[in-house]
Amino acid sequence: MKTLLGKKVGMTQIFTEAGEVVPVTVIEAGPEVVTQIKTVENDGYDAVQIGFEDAKPQRVNKPMTGHFQKAGVPVKKHLAEFKAEEGETYEVGQTITVADFEVGKKLDVTGVSKGKGTQGNIKRHGHARGPMTHGSKHKRLAGALAAGTYPSRVFKGNAGPGRTGRDTVTVQNVVLVKVIEERNLLLVKGAVPGGRGGLLRIQYAVKGQDK
């Protein structure tokens, strides 16, 4: 399934021909270069490896430098793999751009959500707060975690305070609204995970795609 790596530029809005306002996320995607073709015979599975964003040669270790030299492509910061669909053929050194994506199709966009640090149970899990008056000392604290007699312990996975955010999140079936080829930009409807500059993986939707 054709895949692009890109960076989140930010959000804005555009107008349709009917004058409707559409909120969009701007993604700078590609161009990608094919760095390796993996096969069952050599690697145990079939896949197409792509590289995104040039890196300084001195910041790449020797094994990866040799990998890029073998492919005859500049060193890249990010690598990803995808499985080619039936009938698709790729070659090492081939370039994949936003022009390969069709406006109106649905995409799955994967990124790392914004980190919130350590948060309480109310913000993290949406728990209700306690009474705020009449001398209550239980306002935003977590409630009882377990009974004393039985089971006399706290079950694993109990929802409580802790680290929030910075998780890998996939937003499914976002519509590709516009493609700006000369600037390598994709405009997708709605929000996608992460902050400005965050790395994103964009591919055609696995489910819900319009035929």
Protein backbone atom coordinates (compact mmCIF):
# COMPACT_ATOMS: atom_id res chain seq x y z
CA MET A 1 0.00 0.00 0.00
CA LYS A 2 1.57 3.26 -1.14
CA THR A 3 2.98 5.21 1.80
CA LEU A 4 4.51 8.62 2.36
CA LEU A 5 6.39 10.08 5.30
CA GLY A 6 5.86 13.74 6.04
CA LYS A 7 5.93 16.52 8.60
CA LYS A 8 2.99 18.37 10.07
CA VAL A 9 3.16 22.03 9.07
CA GLY A 10 0.05 23.20 10.91
CA MET A 11 -3.66 23.80 10.47
CA THR A 12 -5.59 26.30 8.37
CA GLN A 13 -8.83 26.47 6.43
CA ILE A 14 -9.76 26.56 2.77
CA PHE A 15 -12.96 27.32 0.88
CA THR A 16 -14.71 24.93 -1.48
CA GLU A 17 -16.24 26.01 -4.77
CA ALA A 18 -19.59 26.15 -2.97
CA GLY A 19 -18.17 28.62 -0.46
CA GLU A 20 -18.01 26.18 2.44
CA VAL A 21 -15.16 26.44 4.94
CA VAL A 22 -13.11 23.26 5.41
CA PRO A 23 -10.57 22.97 8.28
CA VAL A 24 -7.44 21.25 7.00
CA THR A 25 -4.06 20.06 8.25
CA VAL A 26 -1.12 20.92 6.00
CA ILE A 27 1.43 18.10 5.66
CA GLU A 28 4.76 18.45 3.87
CA ALA A 29 5.21 14.95 2.46
CA GLY A 30 8.05 13.59 0.42
CA PRO A 31 9.60 13.34 -1.96
CA GLU A 32 10.52 9.82 -0.88
CA VAL A 33 13.15 7.62 -2.46
CA VAL A 34 13.05 3.83 -2.57
CA THR A 35 16.11 2.59 -0.66
CA GLN A 36 15.54 -1.17 -0.72
CA ILE A 37 13.25 -3.82 -2.18
CA LYS A 38 12.80 -6.64 0.34
CA THR A 39 11.88 -10.11 -0.85
CA VAL A 40 10.89 -13.39 0.75
CA GLU A 41 14.06 -15.03 -0.53
CA ASN A 42 16.46 -12.52 1.02
CA ASP A 43 14.52 -11.02 3.95
CA GLY A 44 11.68 -13.42 4.71
CA TYR A 45 8.95 -11.03 3.58
CA ASP A 46 8.05 -8.67 0.75
CA ALA A 47 8.25 -4.92 1.37
CA VAL A 48 9.33 -1.62 -0.14
CA GLN A 49 11.63 0.50 2.01
CA ILE A 50 11.56 4.27 1.54
CA GLY A 51 13.67 7.12 2.94
CA PHE A 52 12.56 10.62 3.82
CA GLU A 53 14.47 13.85 4.46
CA ASP A 54 18.17 14.19 3.76
CA ALA A 55 20.55 13.79 6.69
CA LYS A 56 24.10 15.00 7.22
CA PRO A 57 26.50 12.13 6.38
CA GLN A 58 28.45 12.60 9.64
CA ARG A 59 25.27 11.93 11.63
CA VAL A 60 24.69 8.48 10.13
CA ASN A 61 26.55 5.43 11.44
CA LYS A 62 28.71 3.24 9.17
CA PRO A 63 26.21 0.38 8.67
CA MET A 64 23.49 2.79 7.54
CA THR A 65 25.96 4.74 5.41
CA GLY A 66 26.84 1.51 3.62
CA HIS A 67 23.14 0.73 3.21
CA PHE A 68 22.50 4.03 1.42
CA GLN A 69 25.68 3.75 -0.66
CA LYS A 70 24.60 0.32 -1.86
CA ALA A 71 21.28 1.79 -2.96
CA GLY A 72 23.03 4.76 -4.58
CA VAL A 73 20.85 7.32 -2.78
CA PRO A 74 21.66 10.17 -0.34
CA VAL A 75 21.54 9.34 3.37
CA LYS A 76 18.11 9.83 4.94
CA LYS A 77 16.88 10.65 8.44
CA HIS A 78 13.78 8.45 8.39
CA LEU A 79 13.02 5.03 6.93
CA ALA A 80 9.71 3.22 6.58
CA GLU A 81 8.36 0.13 4.87
CA PHE A 82 5.13 -0.72 3.14
CA LYS A 83 3.78 -3.68 1.24
CA ALA A 84 3.25 -3.10 -2.44
CA GLU A 85 -0.20 -3.86 -3.81
CA GLU A 86 -0.71 -6.41 -6.53
CA GLY A 87 0.44 -5.02 -9.85
CA GLU A 88 2.64 -2.29 -8.34
CA THR A 89 6.35 -2.38 -9.15
CA TYR A 90 9.14 -0.35 -7.61
CA GLU A 91 12.86 0.05 -8.21
CA VAL A 92 15.67 1.18 -5.93
CA GLY A 93 16.22 4.90 -6.42
CA GLN A 94 12.66 5.51 -7.59
CA THR A 95 11.02 8.69 -6.28
CA ILE A 96 7.53 8.77 -4.76
CA THR A 97 5.80 12.15 -4.46
CA VAL A 98 2.46 13.60 -3.41
CA ALA A 99 1.41 13.43 -7.06
CA ASP A 100 0.86 9.69 -6.55
CA PHE A 101 -2.06 10.42 -4.19
CA GLU A 102 -5.55 11.17 -5.49
CA VAL A 103 -7.69 14.02 -4.17
CA GLY A 104 -10.94 12.83 -2.57
CA LYS A 105 -9.51 9.53 -1.34
CA LYS A 106 -9.44 8.63 2.34
CA LEU A 107 -6.15 8.33 4.22
CA ASP A 108 -4.88 6.81 7.45
CA VAL A 109 -2.44 9.18 9.16
CA THR A 110 -0.19 7.93 11.97
CA GLY A 111 1.81 10.15 14.31
CA VAL A 112 2.90 10.63 17.91
CA SER A 113 0.43 12.60 20.01
CA LYS A 114 1.51 15.59 22.09
CA GLY A 115 3.00 14.70 25.45
CA LYS A 116 1.14 16.09 28.50
CA GLY A 117 3.51 14.84 31.20
CA THR A 118 2.14 13.40 34.45
CA GLN A 119 -1.54 14.21 34.89
CA GLY A 120 -4.23 13.38 37.41
CA ASN A 121 -6.98 10.86 36.94
CA ILE A 122 -9.57 13.50 35.95
CA LYS A 123 -7.63 14.86 32.97
CA ARG A 124 -6.16 11.49 32.05
CA HIS A 125 -9.30 9.36 32.19
CA GLY A 126 -12.19 11.83 32.50
CA HIS A 127 -13.16 10.78 36.02
CA ALA A 128 -15.73 12.85 37.93
CA ARG A 129 -14.52 15.09 40.75
CA GLY A 130 -15.61 14.86 44.35
CA PRO A 131 -17.74 17.33 46.33
CA MET A 132 -16.35 20.87 46.34
CA THR A 133 -18.09 22.13 49.51
CA HIS A 134 -19.00 21.22 53.11
CA GLY A 135 -15.42 20.56 54.15
CA SER A 136 -14.73 17.91 51.55
CA LYS A 137 -11.10 16.92 51.27
CA HIS A 138 -11.78 14.78 48.22
CA LYS A 139 -12.01 17.15 45.27
CA ARG A 140 -9.81 15.93 42.40
CA LEU A 141 -8.21 12.90 44.02
CA ALA A 142 -8.65 9.34 42.79
CA GLY A 143 -11.33 7.33 44.60
CA ALA A 144 -10.95 4.00 46.33
CA LEU A 145 -8.83 1.61 44.28
CA ALA A 146 -9.79 -1.65 45.97
CA ALA A 147 -11.77 -3.07 48.88
CA GLY A 148 -9.82 -3.81 52.07
CA THR A 149 -11.17 -7.30 52.81
CA TYR A 150 -11.48 -8.66 49.28
CA PRO A 151 -9.60 -8.57 46.98
CA SER A 152 -7.36 -6.55 49.34
CA ARG A 153 -5.18 -5.48 46.44
CA VAL A 154 -5.25 -3.16 43.45
CA PHE A 155 -5.93 -4.83 40.11
CA LYS A 156 -3.42 -4.28 37.31
CA GLY A 157 -4.45 -1.69 34.76
CA ASN A 158 -6.50 0.33 37.23
CA ALA A 159 -7.12 3.80 35.81
CA GLY A 160 -5.25 6.41 37.82
CA PRO A 161 -2.81 9.32 37.56
CA GLY A 162 0.25 8.93 35.35
CA ARG A 163 1.99 9.82 32.12
CA THR A 164 -0.36 11.20 29.51
CA GLY A 165 0.11 11.61 25.77
CA ARG A 166 3.10 10.87 23.52
CA ASP A 167 1.43 7.75 22.18
CA THR A 168 1.40 6.43 18.63
CA VAL A 169 -2.04 7.36 17.28
CA THR A 170 -3.65 6.63 13.92
CA VAL A 171 -6.48 8.80 12.60
CA GLN A 172 -8.45 6.80 10.05
CA ASN A 173 -10.42 7.84 6.98
CA VAL A 174 -9.38 11.49 6.78
CA VAL A 175 -10.22 12.93 3.37
CA LEU A 176 -7.46 14.26 1.12
CA VAL A 177 -8.80 17.68 0.14
CA LYS A 178 -6.00 19.13 -1.96
CA VAL A 179 -2.55 18.29 -3.34
CA ILE A 180 0.03 21.02 -4.07
CA GLU A 181 2.66 19.18 -6.08
CA GLU A 182 5.15 22.01 -6.54
CA ARG A 183 5.48 22.41 -2.75
CA ASN A 184 5.08 18.72 -1.81
CA LEU A 185 2.02 19.49 0.31
CA LEU A 186 -1.05 17.43 1.22
CA LEU A 187 -4.11 19.11 2.72
CA VAL A 188 -6.27 16.69 4.69
CA LYS A 189 -9.60 17.45 6.32
CA GLY A 190 -9.52 17.76 10.09
CA ALA A 191 -6.78 17.22 12.65
CA VAL A 192 -3.97 14.67 12.78
CA PRO A 193 -1.84 13.56 15.76
CA GLY A 194 1.17 15.49 17.04
CA GLY A 195 2.49 19.02 17.05
CA ARG A 196 4.09 21.15 14.37
CA GLY A 197 7.08 19.45 12.84
CA GLY A 198 6.00 15.99 13.99
CA LEU A 199 6.74 13.02 11.75
CA LEU A 200 3.68 11.46 10.10
CA ARG A 201 3.05 8.30 8.11
CA ILE A 202 0.39 8.72 5.42
CA GLN A 203 -1.20 5.91 3.45
CA TYR A 204 -4.49 5.07 1.77
CA ALA A 205 -7.16 4.01 4.27
CA VAL A 206 -7.32 0.31 4.98
CA LYS A 207 -11.05 0.42 5.74
CA GLY A 208 -13.83 2.76 4.67
CA GLN A 209 -12.24 3.66 1.33
CA ASP A 210 -14.66 4.81 -1.34
CA LYS A 211 -14.59 2.45 -4.26
